[in-house]
mmCIF file of all heavy atoms, coordinates in Angstrom:
data_MODEL
# 
_entry.id   MODEL 
# 
loop_
_atom_site.group_PDB 
_atom_site.id 
_atom_site.type_symbol 
_atom_site.label_atom_id 
_atom_site.label_alt_id 
_atom_site.label_comp_id 
_atom_site.label_asym_id 
_atom_site.label_entity_id 
_atom_site.label_seq_id 
_atom_site.pdbx_PDB_ins_code 
_atom_site.Cartn_x 
_atom_site.Cartn_y 
_atom_site.Cartn_z 
_atom_site.occupancy 
_atom_site.B_iso_or_equiv 
_atom_site.pdbx_formal_charge 
_atom_site.auth_seq_id 
_atom_site.auth_comp_id 
_atom_site.auth_asym_id 
_atom_site.auth_atom_id 
_atom_site.pdbx_PDB_model_num 
ATOM 1   N N   . GLU A 1 1  ? -12.193 -2.860 -5.298 1.00 0.00 ? 1  GLU A N   1 
ATOM 2   C CA  . GLU A 1 1  ? -11.182 -3.913 -5.365 1.00 0.00 ? 1  GLU A CA  1 
ATOM 3   C C   . GLU A 1 1  ? -9.776  -3.321 -5.274 1.00 0.00 ? 1  GLU A C   1 
ATOM 4   O O   . GLU A 1 1  ? -9.323  -2.618 -6.168 1.00 0.00 ? 1  GLU A O   1 
ATOM 5   C CB  . GLU A 1 1  ? -11.335 -4.681 -6.685 1.00 0.00 ? 1  GLU A CB  1 
ATOM 6   C CG  . GLU A 1 1  ? -10.287 -5.749 -6.914 1.00 0.00 ? 1  GLU A CG  1 
ATOM 7   C CD  . GLU A 1 1  ? -10.418 -6.408 -8.279 1.00 0.00 ? 1  GLU A CD  1 
ATOM 8   O OE1 . GLU A 1 1  ? -11.147 -5.882 -9.144 1.00 0.00 ? 1  GLU A OE1 1 
ATOM 9   O OE2 . GLU A 1 1  ? -9.784  -7.457 -8.473 1.00 0.00 ? 1  GLU A OE2 1 
ATOM 10  N N   . GLY A 1 2  ? -9.091  -3.624 -4.168 1.00 0.00 ? 2  GLY A N   1 
ATOM 11  C CA  . GLY A 1 2  ? -7.726  -3.158 -4.004 1.00 0.00 ? 2  GLY A CA  1 
ATOM 12  C C   . GLY A 1 2  ? -6.728  -4.051 -4.714 1.00 0.00 ? 2  GLY A C   1 
ATOM 13  O O   . GLY A 1 2  ? -6.995  -5.217 -5.015 1.00 0.00 ? 2  GLY A O   1 
ATOM 14  N N   . ALA A 1 3  ? -5.559  -3.492 -5.000 1.00 0.00 ? 3  ALA A N   1 
ATOM 15  C CA  . ALA A 1 3  ? -4.462  -4.245 -5.611 1.00 0.00 ? 3  ALA A CA  1 
ATOM 16  C C   . ALA A 1 3  ? -3.294  -4.307 -4.635 1.00 0.00 ? 3  ALA A C   1 
ATOM 17  O O   . ALA A 1 3  ? -3.191  -3.514 -3.710 1.00 0.00 ? 3  ALA A O   1 
ATOM 18  C CB  . ALA A 1 3  ? -4.031  -3.581 -6.919 1.00 0.00 ? 3  ALA A CB  1 
ATOM 19  N N   . GLN A 1 4  ? -2.382  -5.255 -4.852 1.00 0.00 ? 4  GLN A N   1 
ATOM 20  C CA  . GLN A 1 4  ? -1.264  -5.502 -3.942 1.00 0.00 ? 4  GLN A CA  1 
ATOM 21  C C   . GLN A 1 4  ? -1.774  -5.815 -2.523 1.00 0.00 ? 4  GLN A C   1 
ATOM 22  O O   . GLN A 1 4  ? -2.817  -6.435 -2.393 1.00 0.00 ? 4  GLN A O   1 
ATOM 23  C CB  . GLN A 1 4  ? -0.279  -4.320 -3.925 1.00 0.00 ? 4  GLN A CB  1 
ATOM 24  C CG  . GLN A 1 4  ? 0.523   -4.166 -5.203 1.00 0.00 ? 4  GLN A CG  1 
ATOM 25  C CD  . GLN A 1 4  ? -0.166  -3.283 -6.240 1.00 0.00 ? 4  GLN A CD  1 
ATOM 26  O OE1 . GLN A 1 4  ? -0.812  -2.289 -5.969 1.00 0.00 ? 4  GLN A OE1 1 
ATOM 27  N NE2 . GLN A 1 4  ? -0.019  -3.640 -7.453 1.00 0.00 ? 4  GLN A NE2 1 
ATOM 28  N N   . GLY A 1 5  ? -1.076  -5.404 -1.500 1.00 0.00 ? 5  GLY A N   1 
ATOM 29  C CA  . GLY A 1 5  ? -1.469  -5.661 -0.124 1.00 0.00 ? 5  GLY A CA  1 
ATOM 30  C C   . GLY A 1 5  ? -1.081  -4.488 0.758  1.00 0.00 ? 5  GLY A C   1 
ATOM 31  O O   . GLY A 1 5  ? -0.247  -3.649 0.377  1.00 0.00 ? 5  GLY A O   1 
ATOM 32  N N   . ILE A 1 6  ? -1.665  -4.443 1.963  1.00 0.00 ? 6  ILE A N   1 
ATOM 33  C CA  . ILE A 1 6  ? -1.441  -3.299 2.856  1.00 0.00 ? 6  ILE A CA  1 
ATOM 34  C C   . ILE A 1 6  ? 0.028   -3.153 3.238  1.00 0.00 ? 6  ILE A C   1 
ATOM 35  O O   . ILE A 1 6  ? 0.526   -2.040 3.426  1.00 0.00 ? 6  ILE A O   1 
ATOM 36  C CB  . ILE A 1 6  ? -2.327  -3.426 4.109  1.00 0.00 ? 6  ILE A CB  1 
ATOM 37  C CG1 . ILE A 1 6  ? -3.809  -3.385 3.710  1.00 0.00 ? 6  ILE A CG1 1 
ATOM 38  C CG2 . ILE A 1 6  ? -2.038  -2.309 5.114  1.00 0.00 ? 6  ILE A CG2 1 
ATOM 39  C CD1 . ILE A 1 6  ? -4.759  -3.787 4.815  1.00 0.00 ? 6  ILE A CD1 1 
ATOM 40  N N   . LEU A 1 7  ? 0.757   -4.274 3.328  1.00 0.00 ? 7  LEU A N   1 
ATOM 41  C CA  . LEU A 1 7  ? 2.169   -4.207 3.699  1.00 0.00 ? 7  LEU A CA  1 
ATOM 42  C C   . LEU A 1 7  ? 3.040   -3.646 2.575  1.00 0.00 ? 7  LEU A C   1 
ATOM 43  O O   . LEU A 1 7  ? 4.242   -3.441 2.760  1.00 0.00 ? 7  LEU A O   1 
ATOM 44  C CB  . LEU A 1 7  ? 2.674   -5.588 4.124  1.00 0.00 ? 7  LEU A CB  1 
ATOM 45  C CG  . LEU A 1 7  ? 2.089   -6.099 5.442  1.00 0.00 ? 7  LEU A CG  1 
ATOM 46  C CD1 . LEU A 1 7  ? 2.441   -7.564 5.659  1.00 0.00 ? 7  LEU A CD1 1 
ATOM 47  C CD2 . LEU A 1 7  ? 2.584   -5.253 6.614  1.00 0.00 ? 7  LEU A CD2 1 
ATOM 48  N N   . LEU A 1 8  ? 2.424   -3.390 1.410  1.00 0.00 ? 8  LEU A N   1 
ATOM 49  C CA  . LEU A 1 8  ? 3.116   -2.722 0.309  1.00 0.00 ? 8  LEU A CA  1 
ATOM 50  C C   . LEU A 1 8  ? 2.677   -1.267 0.171  1.00 0.00 ? 8  LEU A C   1 
ATOM 51  O O   . LEU A 1 8  ? 3.066   -0.588 -0.786 1.00 0.00 ? 8  LEU A O   1 
ATOM 52  C CB  . LEU A 1 8  ? 2.880   -3.470 -1.008 1.00 0.00 ? 8  LEU A CB  1 
ATOM 53  C CG  . LEU A 1 8  ? 3.513   -4.861 -1.107 1.00 0.00 ? 8  LEU A CG  1 
ATOM 54  C CD1 . LEU A 1 8  ? 3.103   -5.538 -2.413 1.00 0.00 ? 8  LEU A CD1 1 
ATOM 55  C CD2 . LEU A 1 8  ? 5.035   -4.789 -1.016 1.00 0.00 ? 8  LEU A CD2 1 
ATOM 56  N N   . ASP A 1 9  ? 1.880   -0.773 1.109  1.00 0.00 ? 9  ASP A N   1 
ATOM 57  C CA  . ASP A 1 9  ? 1.437   0.618  1.096  1.00 0.00 ? 9  ASP A CA  1 
ATOM 58  C C   . ASP A 1 9  ? 2.636   1.549  1.224  1.00 0.00 ? 9  ASP A C   1 
ATOM 59  O O   . ASP A 1 9  ? 3.535   1.319  2.047  1.00 0.00 ? 9  ASP A O   1 
ATOM 60  C CB  . ASP A 1 9  ? 0.450   0.853  2.249  1.00 0.00 ? 9  ASP A CB  1 
ATOM 61  C CG  . ASP A 1 9  ? -0.173  2.234  2.236  1.00 0.00 ? 9  ASP A CG  1 
ATOM 62  O OD1 . ASP A 1 9  ? 0.499   3.186  2.682  1.00 0.00 ? 9  ASP A OD1 1 
ATOM 63  O OD2 . ASP A 1 9  ? -1.325  2.355  1.801  1.00 0.00 ? 9  ASP A OD2 1 
ATOM 64  N N   . VAL A 1 10 ? 2.658   2.617  0.433  1.00 0.00 ? 10 VAL A N   1 
ATOM 65  C CA  . VAL A 1 10 ? 3.808   3.519  0.415  1.00 0.00 ? 10 VAL A CA  1 
ATOM 66  C C   . VAL A 1 10 ? 3.990   4.247  1.745  1.00 0.00 ? 10 VAL A C   1 
ATOM 67  O O   . VAL A 1 10 ? 5.097   4.690  2.079  1.00 0.00 ? 10 VAL A O   1 
ATOM 68  C CB  . VAL A 1 10 ? 3.693   4.519  -0.763 1.00 0.00 ? 10 VAL A CB  1 
ATOM 69  C CG1 . VAL A 1 10 ? 2.569   5.548  -0.523 1.00 0.00 ? 10 VAL A CG1 1 
ATOM 70  C CG2 . VAL A 1 10 ? 5.031   5.186  -1.053 1.00 0.00 ? 10 VAL A CG2 1 
ATOM 71  N N   . ASP A 1 11 ? 2.944   4.377  2.545  1.00 0.00 ? 11 ASP A N   1 
ATOM 72  C CA  . ASP A 1 11 ? 3.042   4.995  3.868  1.00 0.00 ? 11 ASP A CA  1 
ATOM 73  C C   . ASP A 1 11 ? 3.135   3.982  5.003  1.00 0.00 ? 11 ASP A C   1 
ATOM 74  O O   . ASP A 1 11 ? 3.835   4.212  5.992  1.00 0.00 ? 11 ASP A O   1 
ATOM 75  C CB  . ASP A 1 11 ? 1.834   5.910  4.124  1.00 0.00 ? 11 ASP A CB  1 
ATOM 76  C CG  . ASP A 1 11 ? 1.899   7.197  3.328  1.00 0.00 ? 11 ASP A CG  1 
ATOM 77  O OD1 . ASP A 1 11 ? 2.906   7.904  3.420  1.00 0.00 ? 11 ASP A OD1 1 
ATOM 78  O OD2 . ASP A 1 11 ? 0.936   7.494  2.613  1.00 0.00 ? 11 ASP A OD2 1 
ATOM 79  N N   . HIS A 1 12 ? 2.402   2.888  4.887  1.00 0.00 ? 12 HIS A N   1 
ATOM 80  C CA  . HIS A 1 12 ? 2.240   1.964  6.005  1.00 0.00 ? 12 HIS A CA  1 
ATOM 81  C C   . HIS A 1 12 ? 2.907   0.607  5.811  1.00 0.00 ? 12 HIS A C   1 
ATOM 82  O O   . HIS A 1 12 ? 2.826   -0.252 6.685  1.00 0.00 ? 12 HIS A O   1 
ATOM 83  C CB  . HIS A 1 12 ? 0.748   1.759  6.278  1.00 0.00 ? 12 HIS A CB  1 
ATOM 84  C CG  . HIS A 1 12 ? 0.019   3.024  6.586  1.00 0.00 ? 12 HIS A CG  1 
ATOM 85  N ND1 . HIS A 1 12 ? 0.184   3.704  7.770  1.00 0.00 ? 12 HIS A ND1 1 
ATOM 86  C CD2 . HIS A 1 12 ? -0.858  3.753  5.855  1.00 0.00 ? 12 HIS A CD2 1 
ATOM 87  C CE1 . HIS A 1 12 ? -0.565  4.791  7.759  1.00 0.00 ? 12 HIS A CE1 1 
ATOM 88  N NE2 . HIS A 1 12 ? -1.207  4.854  6.608  1.00 0.00 ? 12 HIS A NE2 1 
ATOM 89  N N   . GLY A 1 13 ? 3.563   0.411  4.674  1.00 0.00 ? 13 GLY A N   1 
ATOM 90  C CA  . GLY A 1 13 ? 4.199   -0.863 4.398  1.00 0.00 ? 13 GLY A CA  1 
ATOM 91  C C   . GLY A 1 13 ? 5.657   -0.902 4.794  1.00 0.00 ? 13 GLY A C   1 
ATOM 92  O O   . GLY A 1 13 ? 6.154   -0.029 5.525  1.00 0.00 ? 13 GLY A O   1 
ATOM 93  N N   . THR A 1 14 ? 6.369   -1.941 4.328  1.00 0.00 ? 14 THR A N   1 
ATOM 94  C CA  . THR A 1 14 ? 7.776   -2.137 4.656  1.00 0.00 ? 14 THR A CA  1 
ATOM 95  C C   . THR A 1 14 ? 8.653   -1.264 3.746  1.00 0.00 ? 14 THR A C   1 
ATOM 96  O O   . THR A 1 14 ? 9.428   -1.760 2.928  1.00 0.00 ? 14 THR A O   1 
ATOM 97  C CB  . THR A 1 14 ? 8.150   -3.625 4.530  1.00 0.00 ? 14 THR A CB  1 
ATOM 98  O OG1 . THR A 1 14 ? 7.669   -4.138 3.268  1.00 0.00 ? 14 THR A OG1 1 
ATOM 99  C CG2 . THR A 1 14 ? 7.551   -4.424 5.660  1.00 0.00 ? 14 THR A CG2 1 
ATOM 100 N N   . TYR A 1 15 ? 8.514   0.034  3.926  1.00 0.00 ? 15 TYR A N   1 
ATOM 101 C CA  . TYR A 1 15 ? 9.219   1.054  3.148  1.00 0.00 ? 15 TYR A CA  1 
ATOM 102 C C   . TYR A 1 15 ? 10.741  0.925  3.309  1.00 0.00 ? 15 TYR A C   1 
ATOM 103 O O   . TYR A 1 15 ? 11.227  0.728  4.413  1.00 0.00 ? 15 TYR A O   1 
ATOM 104 C CB  . TYR A 1 15 ? 8.758   2.430  3.625  1.00 0.00 ? 15 TYR A CB  1 
ATOM 105 C CG  . TYR A 1 15 ? 9.209   3.597  2.792  1.00 0.00 ? 15 TYR A CG  1 
ATOM 106 C CD1 . TYR A 1 15 ? 8.398   4.090  1.773  1.00 0.00 ? 15 TYR A CD1 1 
ATOM 107 C CD2 . TYR A 1 15 ? 10.429  4.207  3.017  1.00 0.00 ? 15 TYR A CD2 1 
ATOM 108 C CE1 . TYR A 1 15 ? 8.799   5.183  1.013  1.00 0.00 ? 15 TYR A CE1 1 
ATOM 109 C CE2 . TYR A 1 15 ? 10.843  5.292  2.250  1.00 0.00 ? 15 TYR A CE2 1 
ATOM 110 C CZ  . TYR A 1 15 ? 10.022  5.776  1.256  1.00 0.00 ? 15 TYR A CZ  1 
ATOM 111 O OH  . TYR A 1 15 ? 10.417  6.860  0.494  1.00 0.00 ? 15 TYR A OH  1 
ATOM 112 N N   . PRO A 1 16 ? 11.538  1.019  2.207  1.00 0.00 ? 16 PRO A N   1 
ATOM 113 C CA  . PRO A 1 16 ? 11.163  1.403  0.847  1.00 0.00 ? 16 PRO A CA  1 
ATOM 114 C C   . PRO A 1 16 ? 10.742  0.249  -0.056 1.00 0.00 ? 16 PRO A C   1 
ATOM 115 O O   . PRO A 1 16 ? 10.523  0.444  -1.243 1.00 0.00 ? 16 PRO A O   1 
ATOM 116 C CB  . PRO A 1 16 ? 12.456  2.033  0.326  1.00 0.00 ? 16 PRO A CB  1 
ATOM 117 C CG  . PRO A 1 16 ? 13.530  1.211  0.979  1.00 0.00 ? 16 PRO A CG  1 
ATOM 118 C CD  . PRO A 1 16 ? 13.010  0.891  2.356  1.00 0.00 ? 16 PRO A CD  1 
ATOM 119 N N   . PHE A 1 17 ? 10.633  -0.964 0.511  1.00 0.00 ? 17 PHE A N   1 
ATOM 120 C CA  . PHE A 1 17 ? 10.267  -2.126 -0.295 1.00 0.00 ? 17 PHE A CA  1 
ATOM 121 C C   . PHE A 1 17 ? 8.743   -2.220 -0.404 1.00 0.00 ? 17 PHE A C   1 
ATOM 122 O O   . PHE A 1 17 ? 8.108   -3.151 0.116  1.00 0.00 ? 17 PHE A O   1 
ATOM 123 C CB  . PHE A 1 17 ? 10.871  -3.388 0.319  1.00 0.00 ? 17 PHE A CB  1 
ATOM 124 C CG  . PHE A 1 17 ? 12.373  -3.334 0.424  1.00 0.00 ? 17 PHE A CG  1 
ATOM 125 C CD1 . PHE A 1 17 ? 12.983  -2.966 1.615  1.00 0.00 ? 17 PHE A CD1 1 
ATOM 126 C CD2 . PHE A 1 17 ? 13.168  -3.621 -0.670 1.00 0.00 ? 17 PHE A CD2 1 
ATOM 127 C CE1 . PHE A 1 17 ? 14.361  -2.901 1.707  1.00 0.00 ? 17 PHE A CE1 1 
ATOM 128 C CE2 . PHE A 1 17 ? 14.546  -3.562 -0.586 1.00 0.00 ? 17 PHE A CE2 1 
ATOM 129 C CZ  . PHE A 1 17 ? 15.152  -3.194 0.598  1.00 0.00 ? 17 PHE A CZ  1 
ATOM 130 N N   . VAL A 1 18 ? 8.182   -1.245 -1.088 1.00 0.00 ? 18 VAL A N   1 
ATOM 131 C CA  . VAL A 1 18 ? 6.733   -1.090 -1.194 1.00 0.00 ? 18 VAL A CA  1 
ATOM 132 C C   . VAL A 1 18 ? 6.366   -0.723 -2.622 1.00 0.00 ? 18 VAL A C   1 
ATOM 133 O O   . VAL A 1 18 ? 7.233   -0.494 -3.467 1.00 0.00 ? 18 VAL A O   1 
ATOM 134 C CB  . VAL A 1 18 ? 6.223   0.005  -0.223 1.00 0.00 ? 18 VAL A CB  1 
ATOM 135 C CG1 . VAL A 1 18 ? 6.407   -0.424 1.219  1.00 0.00 ? 18 VAL A CG1 1 
ATOM 136 C CG2 . VAL A 1 18 ? 6.944   1.341  -0.476 1.00 0.00 ? 18 VAL A CG2 1 
ATOM 137 N N   . THR A 1 19 ? 5.074   -0.650 -2.891 1.00 0.00 ? 19 THR A N   1 
ATOM 138 C CA  . THR A 1 19 ? 4.610   -0.148 -4.173 1.00 0.00 ? 19 THR A CA  1 
ATOM 139 C C   . THR A 1 19 ? 4.523   1.376  -4.099 1.00 0.00 ? 19 THR A C   1 
ATOM 140 O O   . THR A 1 19 ? 4.858   1.981  -3.076 1.00 0.00 ? 19 THR A O   1 
ATOM 141 C CB  . THR A 1 19 ? 3.254   -0.784 -4.550 1.00 0.00 ? 19 THR A CB  1 
ATOM 142 O OG1 . THR A 1 19 ? 2.970   -0.523 -5.937 1.00 0.00 ? 19 THR A OG1 1 
ATOM 143 C CG2 . THR A 1 19 ? 2.114   -0.254 -3.668 1.00 0.00 ? 19 THR A CG2 1 
ATOM 144 N N   . SER A 1 20 ? 4.071   2.021  -5.173 1.00 0.00 ? 20 SER A N   1 
ATOM 145 C CA  . SER A 1 20 ? 4.096   3.482  -5.242 1.00 0.00 ? 20 SER A CA  1 
ATOM 146 C C   . SER A 1 20 ? 2.736   4.119  -4.998 1.00 0.00 ? 20 SER A C   1 
ATOM 147 O O   . SER A 1 20 ? 2.529   5.291  -5.308 1.00 0.00 ? 20 SER A O   1 
ATOM 148 C CB  . SER A 1 20 ? 4.642   3.927  -6.603 1.00 0.00 ? 20 SER A CB  1 
ATOM 149 O OG  . SER A 1 20 ? 5.971   3.488  -6.768 1.00 0.00 ? 20 SER A OG  1 
ATOM 150 N N   . SER A 1 21 ? 1.811   3.351  -4.448 1.00 0.00 ? 21 SER A N   1 
ATOM 151 C CA  . SER A 1 21 ? 0.483   3.885  -4.149 1.00 0.00 ? 21 SER A CA  1 
ATOM 152 C C   . SER A 1 21 ? 0.072   3.482  -2.745 1.00 0.00 ? 21 SER A C   1 
ATOM 153 O O   . SER A 1 21 ? 0.697   2.644  -2.105 1.00 0.00 ? 21 SER A O   1 
ATOM 154 C CB  . SER A 1 21 ? -0.552  3.384  -5.165 1.00 0.00 ? 21 SER A CB  1 
ATOM 155 O OG  . SER A 1 21 ? -0.680  1.964  -5.111 1.00 0.00 ? 21 SER A OG  1 
ATOM 156 N N   . ASN A 1 22 ? -1.008  4.096  -2.261 1.00 0.00 ? 22 ASN A N   1 
ATOM 157 C CA  . ASN A 1 22 ? -1.602  3.695  -0.993 1.00 0.00 ? 22 ASN A CA  1 
ATOM 158 C C   . ASN A 1 22 ? -2.553  2.527  -1.229 1.00 0.00 ? 22 ASN A C   1 
ATOM 159 O O   . ASN A 1 22 ? -3.472  2.632  -2.045 1.00 0.00 ? 22 ASN A O   1 
ATOM 160 C CB  . ASN A 1 22 ? -2.350  4.853  -0.349 1.00 0.00 ? 22 ASN A CB  1 
ATOM 161 C CG  . ASN A 1 22 ? -1.416  5.915  0.201  1.00 0.00 ? 22 ASN A CG  1 
ATOM 162 O OD1 . ASN A 1 22 ? -1.323  7.019  -0.316 1.00 0.00 ? 22 ASN A OD1 1 
ATOM 163 N ND2 . ASN A 1 22 ? -0.699  5.602  1.270  1.00 0.00 ? 22 ASN A ND2 1 
ATOM 164 N N   . THR A 1 23 ? -2.314  1.431  -0.538 1.00 0.00 ? 23 THR A N   1 
ATOM 165 C CA  . THR A 1 23 ? -3.092  0.213  -0.738 1.00 0.00 ? 23 THR A CA  1 
ATOM 166 C C   . THR A 1 23 ? -4.127  -0.022 0.359  1.00 0.00 ? 23 THR A C   1 
ATOM 167 O O   . THR A 1 23 ? -4.846  -1.020 0.321  1.00 0.00 ? 23 THR A O   1 
ATOM 168 C CB  . THR A 1 23 ? -2.153  -1.007 -0.815 1.00 0.00 ? 23 THR A CB  1 
ATOM 169 O OG1 . THR A 1 23 ? -1.409  -1.104 0.418  1.00 0.00 ? 23 THR A OG1 1 
ATOM 170 C CG2 . THR A 1 23 ? -1.159  -0.872 -1.963 1.00 0.00 ? 23 THR A CG2 1 
ATOM 171 N N   . VAL A 1 24 ? -4.194  0.875  1.341  1.00 0.00 ? 24 VAL A N   1 
ATOM 172 C CA  . VAL A 1 24 ? -5.154  0.727  2.434  1.00 0.00 ? 24 VAL A CA  1 
ATOM 173 C C   . VAL A 1 24 ? -6.574  1.014  1.948  1.00 0.00 ? 24 VAL A C   1 
ATOM 174 O O   . VAL A 1 24 ? -6.780  1.633  0.904  1.00 0.00 ? 24 VAL A O   1 
ATOM 175 C CB  . VAL A 1 24 ? -4.796  1.658  3.613  1.00 0.00 ? 24 VAL A CB  1 
ATOM 176 C CG1 . VAL A 1 24 ? -3.484  1.231  4.248  1.00 0.00 ? 24 VAL A CG1 1 
ATOM 177 C CG2 . VAL A 1 24 ? -4.747  3.119  3.175  1.00 0.00 ? 24 VAL A CG2 1 
ATOM 178 N N   . ALA A 1 25 ? -7.547  0.589  2.733  1.00 0.00 ? 25 ALA A N   1 
ATOM 179 C CA  . ALA A 1 25 ? -8.953  0.695  2.337  1.00 0.00 ? 25 ALA A CA  1 
ATOM 180 C C   . ALA A 1 25 ? -9.407  2.129  2.113  1.00 0.00 ? 25 ALA A C   1 
ATOM 181 O O   . ALA A 1 25 ? -10.253 2.395  1.255  1.00 0.00 ? 25 ALA A O   1 
ATOM 182 C CB  . ALA A 1 25 ? -9.839  0.026  3.391  1.00 0.00 ? 25 ALA A CB  1 
ATOM 183 N N   . ALA A 1 26 ? -8.848  3.069  2.874  1.00 0.00 ? 26 ALA A N   1 
ATOM 184 C CA  . ALA A 1 26 ? -9.262  4.462  2.739  1.00 0.00 ? 26 ALA A CA  1 
ATOM 185 C C   . ALA A 1 26 ? -9.030  5.010  1.341  1.00 0.00 ? 26 ALA A C   1 
ATOM 186 O O   . ALA A 1 26 ? -9.707  5.950  0.906  1.00 0.00 ? 26 ALA A O   1 
ATOM 187 C CB  . ALA A 1 26 ? -8.521  5.326  3.766  1.00 0.00 ? 26 ALA A CB  1 
ATOM 188 N N   . THR A 1 27 ? -8.084  4.410  0.608  1.00 0.00 ? 27 THR A N   1 
ATOM 189 C CA  . THR A 1 27 ? -7.767  4.861  -0.745 1.00 0.00 ? 27 THR A CA  1 
ATOM 190 C C   . THR A 1 27 ? -8.915  4.622  -1.715 1.00 0.00 ? 27 THR A C   1 
ATOM 191 O O   . THR A 1 27 ? -8.981  5.241  -2.778 1.00 0.00 ? 27 THR A O   1 
ATOM 192 C CB  . THR A 1 27 ? -6.490  4.171  -1.257 1.00 0.00 ? 27 THR A CB  1 
ATOM 193 O OG1 . THR A 1 27 ? -5.471  4.258  -0.264 1.00 0.00 ? 27 THR A OG1 1 
ATOM 194 C CG2 . THR A 1 27 ? -5.967  4.801  -2.541 1.00 0.00 ? 27 THR A CG2 1 
ATOM 195 N N   . ALA A 1 28 ? -9.829  3.740  -1.370 1.00 0.00 ? 28 ALA A N   1 
ATOM 196 C CA  . ALA A 1 28 ? -10.987 3.497  -2.231 1.00 0.00 ? 28 ALA A CA  1 
ATOM 197 C C   . ALA A 1 28 ? -11.769 4.778  -2.480 1.00 0.00 ? 28 ALA A C   1 
ATOM 198 O O   . ALA A 1 28 ? -12.316 4.982  -3.573 1.00 0.00 ? 28 ALA A O   1 
ATOM 199 C CB  . ALA A 1 28 ? -11.894 2.430  -1.627 1.00 0.00 ? 28 ALA A CB  1 
# 
């Protein structure tokens, strides 16, 4: 179960307006 959304991914989201973790599926 992921939290937040992919567009908040620290690498792939709308940086710097993102969260501080990777939210993509690979992070599982």
